[in-house]
Protein backbone atom coordinates (compact mmCIF):
# COMPACT_ATOMS: atom_id res chain seq x y z
CA UNK A 1 87.86 71.80 118.05
CA UNK A 2 91.17 70.15 117.08
CA UNK A 3 92.00 73.03 114.71
CA UNK A 4 91.10 75.61 117.38
CA UNK A 5 93.39 73.83 119.86
CA UNK A 6 96.25 73.64 117.35
CA UNK A 7 96.00 77.33 116.49
CA UNK A 8 95.91 78.40 120.14
CA UNK A 9 98.81 76.06 120.94
CA UNK A 10 100.81 77.50 118.03
CA UNK A 11 100.25 81.08 119.16
CA UNK A 12 101.62 80.17 122.62
CA UNK A 13 104.95 78.91 121.25
CA UNK A 14 108.14 80.94 121.47
CA UNK A 15 109.22 82.87 118.38
CA UNK A 16 112.04 80.40 117.69
CA UNK A 17 109.74 77.37 117.91
CA UNK A 18 107.16 79.07 115.70
CA UNK A 19 109.82 79.59 113.03
CA UNK A 20 110.76 75.91 113.15
CA UNK A 21 107.12 74.85 112.86
CA UNK A 22 106.43 77.26 110.03
CA UNK A 23 109.48 76.13 108.05
CA UNK A 24 108.20 72.56 108.28
CA UNK A 25 104.74 73.70 107.25
CA UNK A 26 105.84 75.68 104.24
CA UNK A 27 108.82 73.91 102.74
CA UNK A 28 106.66 72.04 100.21
CA UNK A 29 104.20 74.83 99.39
CA UNK A 30 103.52 75.44 95.71
CA UNK A 31 100.96 77.09 93.45
CA UNK A 32 98.28 74.58 92.44
CA UNK A 33 95.63 76.81 90.82
CA UNK A 34 95.53 80.27 89.24
CA UNK A 35 92.15 81.92 88.78
CA UNK A 36 91.41 85.05 86.76
CA UNK A 37 88.01 86.72 87.15
CA UNK A 38 87.76 89.01 84.10
CA UNK A 39 84.17 90.03 84.89
CA UNK A 40 83.63 90.91 88.54
CA UNK A 41 81.31 88.50 90.38
CA UNK A 42 81.05 86.10 87.42
CA UNK A 43 82.75 82.74 86.87
CA UNK A 44 86.52 82.48 87.03
CA UNK A 45 88.87 81.33 84.29
CA UNK A 46 91.32 78.69 85.51
CA UNK A 47 94.68 79.14 83.77
CA UNK A 48 98.06 77.36 83.90
CA UNK A 49 99.94 80.67 83.96
CA UNK A 50 99.21 84.38 84.01
CA UNK A 51 101.10 87.66 83.70
CA UNK A 52 101.30 89.65 86.92
CA UNK A 53 100.80 93.40 87.14
CA UNK A 54 100.79 95.87 90.06
CA UNK A 55 96.96 95.83 90.03
CA UNK A 56 96.62 92.02 89.93
CA UNK A 57 96.71 89.23 87.39
CA UNK A 58 96.24 90.53 83.86
CA UNK A 59 92.54 90.73 82.93
CA UNK A 60 91.44 90.19 86.51
CA UNK A 61 88.37 92.29 87.39
CA UNK A 62 88.77 94.46 84.28
CA UNK A 63 84.99 94.45 83.70
CA UNK A 64 81.99 95.02 85.93
CA UNK A 65 78.21 95.12 85.62
CA UNK A 66 76.54 98.28 86.95
CA UNK A 67 72.91 99.25 87.47
CA UNK A 68 71.19 102.26 85.94
CA UNK A 69 72.65 104.49 88.67
CA UNK A 70 76.20 103.31 87.95
CA UNK A 71 76.48 101.24 91.15
CA UNK A 72 78.36 97.94 90.98
CA UNK A 73 76.25 94.79 90.75
CA UNK A 74 77.69 91.69 92.44
CA UNK A 75 76.46 88.33 93.67
CA UNK A 76 75.60 89.98 96.96
CA UNK A 77 72.45 91.37 95.35
CA UNK A 78 72.34 89.39 92.05
CA UNK A 79 73.41 85.79 92.81
CA UNK A 80 72.64 84.65 89.26
CA UNK A 81 75.83 86.42 88.13
CA UNK A 82 77.56 83.31 89.50
CA UNK A 83 76.28 81.40 86.45
CA UNK A 84 77.75 83.77 83.86
CA UNK A 85 80.72 82.16 82.09
CA UNK A 86 83.59 84.11 80.57
CA UNK A 87 86.12 82.95 77.98
CA UNK A 88 89.26 84.72 76.81
CA UNK A 89 91.68 83.67 74.04
CA UNK A 90 94.46 81.41 75.34
CA UNK A 91 96.98 83.92 74.00
CA UNK A 92 95.54 86.56 76.33
CA UNK A 93 97.54 84.99 79.14
CA UNK A 94 100.89 85.38 77.41
CA UNK A 95 102.96 88.23 78.79
CA UNK A 96 103.44 90.32 75.65
CA UNK A 97 100.13 89.57 73.93
CA UNK A 98 98.04 92.55 72.85
CA UNK A 99 94.48 92.34 71.49
CA UNK A 100 93.47 93.42 68.01
CA UNK A 101 90.11 94.14 66.41
CA UNK A 102 89.48 90.40 66.03
CA UNK A 103 90.10 89.56 69.70
CA UNK A 104 87.02 88.91 71.81
CA UNK A 105 85.83 87.96 75.26
CA UNK A 106 82.90 85.52 75.09
CA UNK A 107 80.16 85.74 77.70
CA UNK A 108 77.57 83.00 78.22
CA UNK A 109 74.61 82.70 80.56
CA UNK A 110 71.72 80.25 81.07
CA UNK A 111 69.03 80.87 78.47
CA UNK A 112 71.06 83.61 76.79
CA UNK A 113 72.78 83.86 73.42
CA UNK A 114 76.56 84.19 73.39
CA UNK A 115 77.80 87.76 73.77
CA UNK A 116 81.06 88.83 72.12
CA UNK A 117 82.96 91.75 73.63
CA UNK A 118 85.90 93.16 71.69
CA UNK A 119 89.11 93.24 73.70
CA UNK A 120 90.07 96.40 71.83
CA UNK A 121 89.13 99.20 74.20
CA UNK A 122 85.89 101.07 73.43
CA UNK A 123 85.91 104.82 72.95
CA UNK A 124 82.70 105.69 74.84
CA UNK A 125 83.11 106.62 78.50
CA UNK A 126 80.64 106.90 81.34
CA UNK A 127 81.12 109.01 84.45
CA UNK A 128 79.91 108.55 87.99
CA UNK A 129 80.35 104.79 88.31
CA UNK A 130 80.72 103.68 91.95
CA UNK A 131 82.34 100.69 93.61
CA UNK A 132 82.57 100.90 97.39
CA UNK A 133 84.30 104.21 98.16
CA UNK A 134 85.53 104.83 94.61
CA UNK A 135 83.74 106.89 91.99
CA UNK A 136 85.15 107.51 88.54
CA UNK A 137 84.98 107.32 84.77
CA UNK A 138 84.80 103.97 82.96
CA UNK A 139 84.75 102.62 79.43
CA UNK A 140 81.24 101.61 78.32
CA UNK A 141 80.90 98.38 76.31
CA UNK A 142 77.84 99.67 74.45
CA UNK A 143 74.13 98.97 73.92
CA UNK A 144 74.34 95.29 72.91
CA UNK A 145 76.16 94.37 76.12
CA UNK A 146 73.81 96.58 78.14
CA UNK A 147 70.76 94.78 76.69
CA UNK A 148 72.30 91.35 77.27
CA UNK A 149 72.87 91.99 80.98
CA UNK A 150 69.62 93.89 81.40
CA UNK A 151 67.73 90.90 79.98
CA UNK A 152 69.71 88.44 82.08
CA UNK A 153 69.45 90.29 85.38
CA UNK A 154 65.95 91.59 84.75
CA UNK A 155 66.67 95.27 85.34
CA UNK A 156 68.55 98.02 83.45
CA UNK A 157 72.30 97.32 83.47
CA UNK A 158 75.48 98.25 81.65
CA UNK A 159 78.78 96.45 81.15
CA UNK A 160 81.77 98.68 81.84
CA UNK A 161 85.54 98.33 81.73
CA UNK A 162 88.08 99.96 84.01
CA UNK A 163 89.58 103.00 82.31
CA UNK A 164 93.25 102.48 83.13
CA UNK A 165 94.21 105.33 80.81
CA UNK A 166 92.65 107.97 83.03
CA UNK A 167 91.74 106.41 86.38
CA UNK A 168 93.46 104.91 89.41
CA UNK A 169 91.78 103.24 92.35
CA UNK A 170 93.92 102.98 95.52
CA UNK A 171 93.70 99.99 97.84
CA UNK A 172 91.18 101.05 100.49
CA UNK A 173 91.75 101.93 104.12
CA UNK A 174 95.49 102.57 103.78
CA UNK A 175 96.34 98.87 104.09
CA UNK A 176 98.79 99.21 101.21
CA UNK A 177 99.74 102.84 100.54
CA UNK A 178 100.87 103.43 96.96
CA UNK A 179 99.17 100.30 95.60
CA UNK A 180 96.16 100.32 93.28
CA UNK A 181 93.47 97.91 92.12
CA UNK A 182 90.95 97.78 89.27
CA UNK A 183 87.50 96.43 90.21
CA UNK A 184 88.92 94.16 92.94
CA UNK A 185 87.55 94.67 96.42
CA UNK A 186 90.45 95.15 98.84
CA UNK A 187 93.68 94.02 97.23
CA UNK A 188 95.24 93.09 93.88
CA UNK A 189 95.78 89.42 94.77
CA UNK A 190 94.01 86.97 97.06
CA UNK A 191 95.85 83.84 98.20
CA UNK A 192 94.19 80.84 99.84
CA UNK A 193 95.49 77.38 100.61
CA UNK A 194 94.08 73.98 99.78
CA UNK A 195 94.92 72.98 103.35
CA UNK A 196 92.55 75.64 104.67
CA UNK A 197 89.76 74.43 102.41
CA UNK A 198 90.37 70.81 103.35
CA UNK A 199 90.25 71.69 107.04
CA UNK A 200 87.03 73.64 106.59
CA UNK A 201 85.43 70.79 104.67
CA UNK A 202 86.21 68.38 107.51
CA UNK A 203 83.74 70.37 109.60
CA UNK A 204 80.99 70.56 106.95
CA UNK A 205 78.33 67.98 106.18
CA UNK A 206 78.77 68.79 102.51
CA UNK A 207 82.12 70.14 101.36
CA UNK A 208 82.43 73.33 99.33
CA UNK A 209 84.66 74.14 96.39
CA UNK A 210 87.40 76.75 96.32
CA UNK A 211 85.40 78.81 93.80
CA UNK A 212 83.18 79.98 96.67
CA UNK A 213 86.10 82.10 97.88
CA UNK A 214 87.19 83.52 94.50
CA UNK A 215 90.98 83.54 95.09
CA UNK A 216 93.51 84.47 92.44
CA UNK A 217 96.25 82.14 93.75
CA UNK A 218 95.71 78.75 95.40
CA UNK A 219 98.63 77.06 97.14
CA UNK A 220 99.07 73.61 98.65
CA UNK A 221 101.68 71.98 100.84
CA UNK A 222 101.19 74.13 103.94
CA UNK A 223 99.19 73.69 107.11
CA UNK A 224 95.58 74.93 107.30
CA UNK A 225 95.40 78.72 107.54
CA UNK A 226 99.19 79.07 107.45
CA UNK A 227 98.65 81.83 104.87
CA UNK A 228 97.11 84.01 107.58
CA UNK A 229 100.58 84.68 108.99
CA UNK A 230 102.45 85.22 105.73
CA UNK A 231 103.87 88.72 105.66
CA UNK A 232 106.26 88.23 102.74
CA UNK A 233 106.34 85.43 100.18
CA UNK A 234 108.12 84.72 96.90
CA UNK A 235 106.49 83.02 93.91
CA UNK A 236 108.74 82.36 90.91
CA UNK A 237 111.23 84.97 92.18
CA UNK A 238 108.54 87.63 92.58
CA UNK A 239 107.91 89.12 96.01
CA UNK A 240 104.45 89.61 97.46
CA UNK A 241 103.38 91.17 100.76
CA UNK A 242 100.38 90.10 102.81
CA UNK A 243 98.31 93.16 103.70
CA UNK A 244 95.14 91.92 105.42
CA UNK A 245 93.02 88.85 106.02
CA UNK A 246 89.97 88.57 103.80
CA UNK A 247 86.78 89.13 105.80
CA UNK A 248 84.14 87.25 103.89
CA UNK A 249 80.87 88.76 102.73
CA UNK A 250 77.85 86.58 101.83
CA UNK A 251 79.26 85.44 98.44
CA UNK A 252 80.88 82.23 99.82
CA UNK A 253 77.40 81.16 100.95
CA UNK A 254 76.24 81.21 97.32
CA UNK A 255 76.59 77.90 95.52
CA UNK A 256 78.56 78.82 92.39
CA UNK A 257 76.95 75.99 90.40
CA UNK A 258 73.32 76.79 91.27
CA UNK A 259 73.40 80.46 92.41
CA UNK A 260 71.43 79.41 95.51
CA UNK A 261 72.27 80.83 98.95
CA UNK A 262 73.09 78.46 101.82
CA UNK A 263 74.03 78.91 105.51
CA UNK A 264 77.45 77.36 105.00
CA UNK A 265 80.36 77.81 105.07
CA UNK A 266 79.87 80.95 107.19
CA UNK A 267 78.21 79.11 110.08
CA UNK A 268 81.19 76.80 110.44
CA UNK A 269 83.81 79.49 109.84
CA UNK A 270 82.35 81.35 112.83
CA UNK A 271 83.33 78.35 114.94
CA UNK A 272 86.81 77.75 113.52
CA UNK A 273 88.11 80.91 111.82
CA UNK A 274 86.45 84.12 112.96
CA UNK A 275 87.66 87.17 114.86
CA UNK A 276 86.16 85.60 118.00
CA UNK A 277 88.50 82.61 117.59
CA UNK A 278 91.57 84.38 116.25
CA UNK A 279 91.40 87.35 118.63
CA UNK A 280 89.52 86.11 121.70
CA UNK A 281 90.60 89.09 123.80
CA UNK A 282 89.41 91.68 121.28
CA UNK A 283 85.93 92.95 120.47
CA UNK A 284 83.93 90.40 118.48
CA UNK A 285 82.84 92.00 115.20
CA UNK A 286 81.18 88.84 113.89
CA UNK A 287 83.61 88.54 110.95
CA UNK A 288 84.77 85.29 109.38
CA UNK A 289 88.00 84.99 107.40
CA UNK A 290 89.37 82.92 104.55
CA UNK A 291 92.47 83.86 102.58
CA UNK A 292 94.74 86.89 102.62
CA UNK A 293 95.14 89.83 100.25
CA UNK A 294 98.56 90.42 98.70
CA UNK A 295 100.34 93.19 96.83
CA UNK A 296 103.23 92.68 94.41
CA UNK A 297 106.33 94.39 95.77
CA UNK A 298 108.94 94.18 92.98
CA UNK A 299 109.92 96.98 90.62
CA UNK A 300 110.22 95.01 87.38
CA UNK A 301 109.93 97.65 84.67
CA UNK A 302 111.41 96.27 81.49
CA UNK A 303 111.95 92.81 82.95
CA UNK A 304 110.71 89.93 80.78
CA UNK A 305 108.88 86.90 82.09
CA UNK A 306 106.63 88.59 84.66
CA UNK A 307 104.53 85.44 85.00
CA UNK A 308 103.45 83.04 87.69
CA UNK A 309 102.43 79.51 86.83
CA UNK A 310 100.92 76.41 88.36
CA UNK A 311 103.71 74.42 90.01
CA UNK A 312 105.75 77.45 91.09
CA UNK A 313 107.24 76.99 94.58
CA UNK A 314 106.09 79.35 97.32
CA UNK A 315 108.82 80.57 99.66
CA UNK A 316 107.85 82.29 102.90
CA UNK A 317 110.23 85.19 103.49
CA UNK A 318 108.68 86.59 106.65
CA UNK A 319 105.69 85.84 108.80
CA UNK A 320 103.76 87.16 111.74
CA UNK A 321 104.13 85.53 115.11
CA UNK A 322 100.41 85.51 115.86
CA UNK A 323 97.01 86.53 114.56
CA UNK A 324 97.12 89.51 116.90
CA UNK A 325 99.59 91.12 114.49
CA UNK A 326 97.51 90.46 111.38
CA UNK A 327 95.48 93.18 109.73
CA UNK A 328 91.77 92.34 109.87
């Protein structure tokens, strides 16, 4: 209830007072964690730094598991994907590093042997793969990977890689015209704050970890849910634009250590951070929110050092005056 009161009180302030409050909130914000999810819906790789690209952090959501019809498989229907671990060479997160024939991604799962996937792009393609509204051609990682995931999931599957050489996938719903993603859901980057997680955990009997929400950038040093209002931010001299709040599907209710589904944190988010709370005068769609999607705004062709790293300060360049202005 205290958080609800504070948010409503904030939204009633004048524009000038909001700016003063937000400057206080954000002056110490910095990046505290960077997560790359090479294989969609599987475990993240926590890294100290990562190259940034227009479609997200390098290697993020480059791979995806699909069923025999070419439809994406995620934790929504196969929660045990949460237990699949992915490892990449440390050098893979250097800006200019390129894989060779001896560079591999390692994939591990409970009760399974280790699977090695060459980071050199395969030559075999598959058509008709679907993820949400997008349908296109992908690179197929071959029969060994297909058998590994088929055995693990218990039904025919294939492991595919986004075919950046021939395909583009625009950000959906015109939230960010001209921007593309790989196998991400709704935006190239997802930012969430430690303050938001801490506030949520105050309302839970058992706290949850940030990995439930699968962000790419975690920041600390700002007030809970301050990131909701960020329209423009700078990280290590790179500009990002907030494009929409992240409406959460069932994945945050899946314990990422056990792959078991639980009622929380959705039940509590409905009480403290849902459309009913943030937009009380609008139609209640039953959505809950955590984090905001970003796009990278700079044109940095040929510029060296396109990296963000843990410890980078976060500067808020512009912000919305209320949740009513946010894209949901």
